[in-house]
Amino acid sequence: MDNYFIFEDRQHAGEELGLLLEPKYKHLHPLVLGIPRGGIEVAYYVARRLHAELSLVVSKKLPLPRQPEYGIGAVAEEYSVYVSPEGKQLLPPKALNQIIEEQIQEVNRRVKRYRHGKLLPEMKDRTVILVDDGIATGVTLVPLIKLCRKKEVAQIIIAAPVSGTRYNKILNEADAIEILVQPLFFYAVGQVYKDFEECDDTQIMKLVQRAEEEQKGITSKKE
């Protein structure tokens, strides 16, 4: 399993993930929140399978200066912030606060662009499924757990097609973590995808718009 591609692309991964989640969560009418960028396409196909409402929630890694791939925490919407113990040791408070503010500005920019500045959907007492295209360290999910708890959701489900086994321990504070595959020799999320091209802003907004139109169609049929 570890020597060849498991998913053709994010659509395929989302459809397979939806099949895993359907018997457990469809009857709960969950809110599916995709994490831009790659998580949106996966979440779109999960939501279709579950006949669930789809939206997106923005979270950004806090990069270590001069080592941008190295995450020392993450920030999400509504000023939800997580800084790792290591991050607090590596940087003085002033430098850390500057990085946080810069990334919060980027979070706000993406909310404005992707959701046109709209607030998150009502989340209180709902099952919320946080969907990404894969989990490496999982650091960007940590502030989202904090955000969901603040919103008083009924339960938080983290879902992804693939993950390693050494993700941030705080993820275990979610009510469940649903993963399709955990390769024995995990080194990158993209290792299980045949096509893992980066999603651009235009693709993301098209998927969100399509989901909104489909949801309106479902609502009108019920009425």
C-alpha atoms as a PDB file:
ATOM      1  CA  MET A   1       0.000   0.000   0.000  1.00  0.00           C
ATOM      2  CA  ASP A   2       2.877   2.384   0.753  1.00  0.00           C
ATOM      3  CA  ASN A   3       4.506   2.009  -2.672  1.00  0.00           C
ATOM      4  CA  TYR A   4       1.771   3.264  -4.973  1.00  0.00           C
ATOM      5  CA  PHE A   5      -0.873   5.959  -5.199  1.00  0.00           C
ATOM      6  CA  ILE A   6      -4.085   5.292  -3.302  1.00  0.00           C
ATOM      7  CA  PHE A   7      -6.137   8.247  -4.577  1.00  0.00           C
ATOM      8  CA  GLU A   8      -6.324   9.567  -8.123  1.00  0.00           C
ATOM      9  CA  ASP A   9      -6.948  13.100  -6.869  1.00  0.00           C
ATOM     10  CA  ARG A  10      -8.772  15.039  -4.145  1.00  0.00           C
ATOM     11  CA  GLN A  11     -12.166  14.247  -5.667  1.00  0.00           C
ATOM     12  CA  HIS A  12     -11.491  10.528  -5.421  1.00  0.00           C
ATOM     13  CA  ALA A  13     -10.206  10.963  -1.850  1.00  0.00           C
ATOM     14  CA  GLY A  14     -13.283  12.984  -0.867  1.00  0.00           C
ATOM     15  CA  GLU A  15     -15.651  10.411  -2.302  1.00  0.00           C
ATOM     16  CA  GLU A  16     -13.909   7.605  -0.423  1.00  0.00           C
ATOM     17  CA  LEU A  17     -13.838   9.619   2.791  1.00  0.00           C
ATOM     18  CA  GLY A  18     -17.540  10.348   2.389  1.00  0.00           C
ATOM     19  CA  LEU A  19     -18.240   6.608   2.191  1.00  0.00           C
ATOM     20  CA  LEU A  20     -16.387   6.107   5.472  1.00  0.00           C
ATOM     21  CA  LEU A  21     -18.269   8.905   7.227  1.00  0.00           C
ATOM     22  CA  GLU A  22     -21.763   8.291   5.810  1.00  0.00           C
ATOM     23  CA  PRO A  23     -22.995   5.514   8.128  1.00  0.00           C
ATOM     24  CA  LYS A  24     -21.656   7.272  11.233  1.00  0.00           C
ATOM     25  CA  TYR A  25     -22.644  10.885  10.677  1.00  0.00           C
ATOM     26  CA  LYS A  26     -25.135  11.406   7.828  1.00  0.00           C
ATOM     27  CA  HIS A  27     -28.134  11.021  10.147  1.00  0.00           C
ATOM     28  CA  LEU A  28     -26.738  13.802  12.365  1.00  0.00           C
ATOM     29  CA  HIS A  29     -27.033  16.392   9.563  1.00  0.00           C
ATOM     30  CA  PRO A  30     -23.494  17.661  10.191  1.00  0.00           C
ATOM     31  CA  LEU A  31     -21.840  20.871   9.128  1.00  0.00           C
ATOM     32  CA  VAL A  32     -18.821  20.072   6.945  1.00  0.00           C
ATOM     33  CA  LEU A  33     -16.030  22.648   7.127  1.00  0.00           C
ATOM     34  CA  GLY A  34     -13.245  22.394   4.562  1.00  0.00           C
ATOM     35  CA  ILE A  35      -9.838  23.896   5.271  1.00  0.00           C
ATOM     36  CA  PRO A  36      -8.373  25.880   2.363  1.00  0.00           C
ATOM     37  CA  ARG A  37      -6.774  25.246   0.188  1.00  0.00           C
ATOM     38  CA  GLY A  38      -6.704  21.509  -0.559  1.00  0.00           C
ATOM     39  CA  GLY A  39      -9.235  20.543   2.072  1.00  0.00           C
ATOM     40  CA  ILE A  40     -12.050  22.355   0.303  1.00  0.00           C
ATOM     41  CA  GLU A  41     -12.249  19.966  -2.636  1.00  0.00           C
ATOM     42  CA  VAL A  42     -12.154  16.922  -0.352  1.00  0.00           C
ATOM     43  CA  ALA A  43     -14.811  18.491   1.881  1.00  0.00           C
ATOM     44  CA  TYR A  44     -17.041  19.269  -1.095  1.00  0.00           C
ATOM     45  CA  TYR A  45     -17.341  15.583  -2.018  1.00  0.00           C
ATOM     46  CA  VAL A  46     -17.741  14.562   1.620  1.00  0.00           C
ATOM     47  CA  ALA A  47     -20.623  17.025   2.004  1.00  0.00           C
ATOM     48  CA  ARG A  48     -22.272  15.754  -1.176  1.00  0.00           C
ATOM     49  CA  ARG A  49     -22.156  12.206   0.132  1.00  0.00           C
ATOM     50  CA  LEU A  50     -23.601  13.209   3.488  1.00  0.00           C
ATOM     51  CA  HIS A  51     -26.154  15.649   1.999  1.00  0.00           C
ATOM     52  CA  ALA A  52     -24.636  18.108   4.444  1.00  0.00           C
ATOM     53  CA  GLU A  53     -24.126  21.850   4.569  1.00  0.00           C
ATOM     54  CA  LEU A  54     -20.655  22.849   3.397  1.00  0.00           C
ATOM     55  CA  SER A  55     -18.640  25.888   4.320  1.00  0.00           C
ATOM     56  CA  LEU A  56     -14.983  26.671   4.850  1.00  0.00           C
ATOM     57  CA  VAL A  57     -12.957  27.725   7.847  1.00  0.00           C
ATOM     58  CA  VAL A  58      -9.555  29.361   7.557  1.00  0.00           C
ATOM     59  CA  SER A  59      -6.479  28.429   9.545  1.00  0.00           C
ATOM     60  CA  LYS A  60      -2.860  29.367   8.887  1.00  0.00           C
ATOM     61  CA  LYS A  61       0.386  27.929  10.186  1.00  0.00           C
ATOM     62  CA  LEU A  62       2.717  30.201  12.159  1.00  0.00           C
ATOM     63  CA  PRO A  63       6.027  29.905  10.276  1.00  0.00           C
ATOM     64  CA  LEU A  64       9.389  30.070  11.951  1.00  0.00           C
ATOM     65  CA  PRO A  65      11.429  32.965  10.487  1.00  0.00           C
ATOM     66  CA  ARG A  66      13.881  31.793   7.815  1.00  0.00           C
ATOM     67  CA  GLN A  67      12.301  28.325   8.027  1.00  0.00           C
ATOM     68  CA  PRO A  68       8.792  28.938   6.664  1.00  0.00           C
ATOM     69  CA  GLU A  69       7.958  25.238   6.323  1.00  0.00           C
ATOM     70  CA  TYR A  70       8.497  24.734  10.037  1.00  0.00           C
ATOM     71  CA  GLY A  71       5.301  25.438  11.968  1.00  0.00           C
ATOM     72  CA  ILE A  72       5.457  26.709  15.546  1.00  0.00           C
ATOM     73  CA  GLY A  73       1.696  26.970  15.884  1.00  0.00           C
ATOM     74  CA  ALA A  74      -1.302  28.239  13.967  1.00  0.00           C
ATOM     75  CA  VAL A  75      -4.024  30.868  13.954  1.00  0.00           C
ATOM     76  CA  ALA A  76      -7.610  30.626  12.800  1.00  0.00           C
ATOM     77  CA  GLU A  77     -10.666  32.807  12.465  1.00  0.00           C
ATOM     78  CA  GLU A  78     -11.953  34.895  15.362  1.00  0.00           C
ATOM     79  CA  TYR A  79      -8.435  35.215  16.727  1.00  0.00           C
ATOM     80  CA  SER A  80      -8.139  31.569  17.730  1.00  0.00           C
ATOM     81  CA  VAL A  81      -4.406  31.084  18.374  1.00  0.00           C
ATOM     82  CA  TYR A  82      -2.184  28.117  19.210  1.00  0.00           C
ATOM     83  CA  VAL A  83       1.542  28.435  19.859  1.00  0.00           C
ATOM     84  CA  SER A  84       3.533  25.292  20.550  1.00  0.00           C
ATOM     85  CA  PRO A  85       5.728  25.097  23.664  1.00  0.00           C
ATOM     86  CA  GLU A  86       8.715  24.934  21.333  1.00  0.00           C
ATOM     87  CA  GLY A  87       7.588  28.102  19.555  1.00  0.00           C
ATOM     88  CA  LYS A  88       7.444  29.970  22.851  1.00  0.00           C
ATOM     89  CA  GLN A  89      11.011  28.897  23.570  1.00  0.00           C
ATOM     90  CA  LEU A  90      12.402  29.724  20.143  1.00  0.00           C
ATOM     91  CA  LEU A  91      11.061  33.269  19.814  1.00  0.00           C
ATOM     92  CA  PRO A  92      10.708  36.258  22.144  1.00  0.00           C
ATOM     93  CA  PRO A  93       7.112  37.462  22.717  1.00  0.00           C
ATOM     94  CA  LYS A  94       7.479  40.534  20.485  1.00  0.00           C
ATOM     95  CA  ALA A  95       8.656  38.515  17.462  1.00  0.00           C
ATOM     96  CA  LEU A  96       6.001  35.877  18.094  1.00  0.00           C
ATOM     97  CA  ASN A  97       3.222  38.453  18.308  1.00  0.00           C
ATOM     98  CA  GLN A  98       4.347  39.985  15.022  1.00  0.00           C
ATOM     99  CA  ILE A  99       4.121  36.620  13.259  1.00  0.00           C
ATOM    100  CA  ILE A 100       0.678  36.033  14.781  1.00  0.00           C
ATOM    101  CA  GLU A 101      -0.600  39.410  13.593  1.00  0.00           C
ATOM    102  CA  GLU A 102       0.747  38.844  10.071  1.00  0.00           C
ATOM    103  CA  GLN A 103      -0.935  35.467   9.797  1.00  0.00           C
ATOM    104  CA  ILE A 104      -4.211  36.765  11.233  1.00  0.00           C
ATOM    105  CA  GLN A 105      -4.216  39.382   8.488  1.00  0.00           C
ATOM    106  CA  GLU A 106      -3.817  36.586   5.931  1.00  0.00           C
ATOM    107  CA  VAL A 107      -6.630  34.606   7.590  1.00  0.00           C
ATOM    108  CA  ASN A 108      -8.900  37.653   7.356  1.00  0.00           C
ATOM    109  CA  ARG A 109      -7.923  38.182   3.714  1.00  0.00           C
ATOM    110  CA  ARG A 110      -8.875  34.617   2.862  1.00  0.00           C
ATOM    111  CA  VAL A 111     -12.190  34.847   4.723  1.00  0.00           C
ATOM    112  CA  LYS A 112     -13.012  37.984   2.764  1.00  0.00           C
ATOM    113  CA  ARG A 113     -12.031  36.361  -0.520  1.00  0.00           C
ATOM    114  CA  TYR A 114     -13.439  32.867  -0.082  1.00  0.00           C
ATOM    115  CA  ARG A 115     -16.598  33.614   1.945  1.00  0.00           C
ATOM    116  CA  HIS A 116     -16.989  37.243   0.881  1.00  0.00           C
ATOM    117  CA  GLY A 117     -16.592  38.204   4.535  1.00  0.00           C
ATOM    118  CA  LYS A 118     -19.636  36.188   5.652  1.00  0.00           C
ATOM    119  CA  LEU A 119     -19.683  34.827   9.182  1.00  0.00           C
ATOM    120  CA  LEU A 120     -19.287  31.126   9.808  1.00  0.00           C
ATOM    121  CA  PRO A 121     -22.565  29.181   9.755  1.00  0.00           C
ATOM    122  CA  GLU A 122     -24.356  28.627  13.063  1.00  0.00           C
ATOM    123  CA  MET A 123     -22.423  25.884  14.856  1.00  0.00           C
ATOM    124  CA  LYS A 124     -23.929  25.625  18.342  1.00  0.00           C
ATOM    125  CA  ASP A 125     -25.163  22.113  19.223  1.00  0.00           C
ATOM    126  CA  ARG A 126     -24.202  20.801  15.768  1.00  0.00           C
ATOM    127  CA  THR A 127     -21.860  18.021  14.746  1.00  0.00           C
ATOM    128  CA  VAL A 128     -19.008  19.709  12.894  1.00  0.00           C
ATOM    129  CA  ILE A 129     -16.705  17.752  10.586  1.00  0.00           C
ATOM    130  CA  LEU A 130     -13.369  19.459   9.925  1.00  0.00           C
ATOM    131  CA  VAL A 131     -11.993  18.174   6.632  1.00  0.00           C
ATOM    132  CA  ASP A 132      -8.490  18.525   5.206  1.00  0.00           C
ATOM    133  CA  ASP A 133      -6.764  16.719   2.340  1.00  0.00           C
ATOM    134  CA  GLY A 134      -4.317  15.171   4.798  1.00  0.00           C
ATOM    135  CA  ILE A 135      -2.738  15.582   8.200  1.00  0.00           C
ATOM    136  CA  ALA A 136       1.010  15.790   8.702  1.00  0.00           C
ATOM    137  CA  THR A 137       1.618  17.591  12.007  1.00  0.00           C
ATOM    138  CA  GLY A 138      -2.004  18.692  12.322  1.00  0.00           C
ATOM    139  CA  VAL A 139      -0.951  22.019  13.786  1.00  0.00           C
ATOM    140  CA  THR A 140      -3.424  24.036  11.674  1.00  0.00           C
ATOM    141  CA  LEU A 141      -6.291  22.013  13.134  1.00  0.00           C
ATOM    142  CA  VAL A 142      -5.505  22.863  16.753  1.00  0.00           C
ATOM    143  CA  PRO A 143      -6.923  26.429  16.776  1.00  0.00           C
ATOM    144  CA  LEU A 144      -9.966  25.116  14.902  1.00  0.00           C
ATOM    145  CA  ILE A 145     -10.704  22.757  17.783  1.00  0.00           C
ATOM    146  CA  LYS A 146     -10.505  25.753  20.127  1.00  0.00           C
ATOM    147  CA  LEU A 147     -12.805  27.729  17.816  1.00  0.00           C
ATOM    148  CA  CYS A 148     -15.385  24.932  17.695  1.00  0.00           C
ATOM    149  CA  ARG A 149     -15.396  24.571  21.483  1.00  0.00           C
ATOM    150  CA  LYS A 150     -15.937  28.309  21.813  1.00  0.00           C
ATOM    151  CA  LYS A 151     -18.892  27.982  19.433  1.00  0.00           C
ATOM    152  CA  GLU A 152     -20.361  25.243  21.689  1.00  0.00           C
ATOM    153  CA  VAL A 153     -20.618  22.582  18.994  1.00  0.00           C
ATOM    154  CA  ALA A 154     -22.129  19.213  19.923  1.00  0.00           C
ATOM    155  CA  GLN A 155     -19.116  17.275  18.705  1.00  0.00           C
ATOM    156  CA  ILE A 156     -15.996  17.826  16.643  1.00  0.00           C
ATOM    157  CA  ILE A 157     -14.980  15.272  14.053  1.00  0.00           C
ATOM    158  CA  ILE A 158     -11.621  15.580  12.301  1.00  0.00           C
ATOM    159  CA  ALA A 159     -11.581  13.795   8.951  1.00  0.00           C
ATOM    160  CA  ALA A 160      -8.906  13.342   6.295  1.00  0.00           C
ATOM    161  CA  PRO A 161      -8.001  10.798   3.627  1.00  0.00           C
ATOM    162  CA  VAL A 162      -4.474  10.325   4.980  1.00  0.00           C
ATOM    163  CA  SER A 163      -2.334  11.091   7.997  1.00  0.00           C
ATOM    164  CA  GLY A 164       0.827  10.104   9.762  1.00  0.00           C
ATOM    165  CA  THR A 165       0.737   8.772  13.296  1.00  0.00           C
ATOM    166  CA  ARG A 166       2.792  11.526  14.949  1.00  0.00           C
ATOM    167  CA  TYR A 167       0.400  14.439  14.655  1.00  0.00           C
ATOM    168  CA  ASN A 168      -0.105  17.014  17.401  1.00  0.00           C
ATOM    169  CA  LYS A 169      -1.539  15.356  20.511  1.00  0.00           C
ATOM    170  CA  ILE A 170      -4.080  18.131  21.002  1.00  0.00           C
ATOM    171  CA  LEU A 171      -5.995  16.714  18.025  1.00  0.00           C
ATOM    172  CA  ASN A 172      -7.075  13.916  20.352  1.00  0.00           C
ATOM    173  CA  GLU A 173      -9.275  16.475  22.110  1.00  0.00           C
ATOM    174  CA  ALA A 174     -11.662  16.156  19.165  1.00  0.00           C
ATOM    175  CA  ASP A 175     -14.531  13.734  19.685  1.00  0.00           C
ATOM    176  CA  ALA A 176     -13.304  11.524  16.851  1.00  0.00           C
ATOM    177  CA  ILE A 177     -10.555  11.405  14.225  1.00  0.00           C
ATOM    178  CA  GLU A 178     -11.517   9.636  10.995  1.00  0.00           C
ATOM    179  CA  ILE A 179      -8.643   8.691   8.669  1.00  0.00           C
ATOM    180  CA  LEU A 180      -8.792   6.414   5.633  1.00  0.00           C
ATOM    181  CA  VAL A 181      -5.115   5.455   5.400  1.00  0.00           C
ATOM    182  CA  GLN A 182      -2.028   5.838   7.583  1.00  0.00           C
ATOM    183  CA  PRO A 183       0.978   4.699   5.535  1.00  0.00           C
ATOM    184  CA  LEU A 184       3.609   2.792   7.451  1.00  0.00           C
ATOM    185  CA  PHE A 185       6.301   5.057   6.012  1.00  0.00           C
ATOM    186  CA  PHE A 186       4.562   8.415   6.001  1.00  0.00           C
ATOM    187  CA  TYR A 187       6.602  11.378   4.769  1.00  0.00           C
ATOM    188  CA  ALA A 188       4.109  13.723   3.049  1.00  0.00           C
ATOM    189  CA  VAL A 189       0.376  14.087   2.463  1.00  0.00           C
ATOM    190  CA  GLY A 190       0.922  14.069  -1.294  1.00  0.00           C
ATOM    191  CA  GLN A 191       2.504  10.607  -1.299  1.00  0.00           C
ATOM    192  CA  VAL A 192      -0.897   8.893  -1.610  1.00  0.00           C
ATOM    193  CA  TYR A 193      -2.218  11.142  -4.405  1.00  0.00           C
ATOM    194  CA  LYS A 194      -1.520  10.630  -8.088  1.00  0.00           C
ATOM    195  CA  ASP A 195      -2.612  14.230  -8.766  1.00  0.00           C
ATOM    196  CA  PHE A 196      -1.780  16.614  -5.923  1.00  0.00           C
ATOM    197  CA  GLU A 197      -1.650  19.957  -7.698  1.00  0.00           C
ATOM    198  CA  GLU A 198      -2.259  22.978  -5.487  1.00  0.00           C
ATOM    199  CA  CYS A 199      -5.794  24.373  -5.534  1.00  0.00           C
ATOM    200  CA  ASP A 200      -5.964  28.030  -6.487  1.00  0.00           C
ATOM    201  CA  ASP A 201      -8.396  30.633  -5.185  1.00  0.00           C
ATOM    202  CA  THR A 202     -10.597  30.434  -8.278  1.00  0.00           C
ATOM    203  CA  GLN A 203     -11.123  26.673  -7.867  1.00  0.00           C
ATOM    204  CA  ILE A 204     -11.975  27.108  -4.195  1.00  0.00           C
ATOM    205  CA  MET A 205     -14.581  29.801  -4.831  1.00  0.00           C
ATOM    206  CA  LYS A 206     -16.176  27.776  -7.638  1.00  0.00           C
ATOM    207  CA  LEU A 207     -16.563  24.767  -5.342  1.00  0.00           C
ATOM    208  CA  VAL A 208     -18.071  26.874  -2.565  1.00  0.00           C
ATOM    209  CA  GLN A 209     -20.502  28.503  -4.996  1.00  0.00           C
ATOM    210  CA  ARG A 210     -21.488  25.137  -6.458  1.00  0.00           C
ATOM    211  CA  ALA A 211     -22.112  23.765  -2.965  1.00  0.00           C
ATOM    212  CA  GLU A 212     -24.304  26.757  -2.089  1.00  0.00           C
ATOM    213  CA  GLU A 213     -26.374  26.260  -5.251  1.00  0.00           C
ATOM    214  CA  GLU A 214     -26.771  22.542  -4.573  1.00  0.00           C
ATOM    215  CA  GLN A 215     -27.780  23.218  -0.964  1.00  0.00           C
ATOM    216  CA  LYS A 216     -30.431  25.697  -2.111  1.00  0.00           C
ATOM    217  CA  GLY A 217     -31.777  23.037  -4.451  1.00  0.00           C
ATOM    218  CA  ILE A 218     -32.017  20.486  -1.628  1.00  0.00           C
ATOM    219  CA  THR A 219     -33.762  23.022   0.631  1.00  0.00           C
ATOM    220  CA  SER A 220     -36.313  23.992  -2.021  1.00  0.00           C
ATOM    221  CA  LYS A 221     -37.179  20.331  -2.682  1.00  0.00           C
ATOM    222  CA  LYS A 222     -37.844  19.797   1.050  1.00  0.00           C
ATOM    223  CA  GLU A 223     -40.152  22.800   1.060  1.00  0.00           C
END
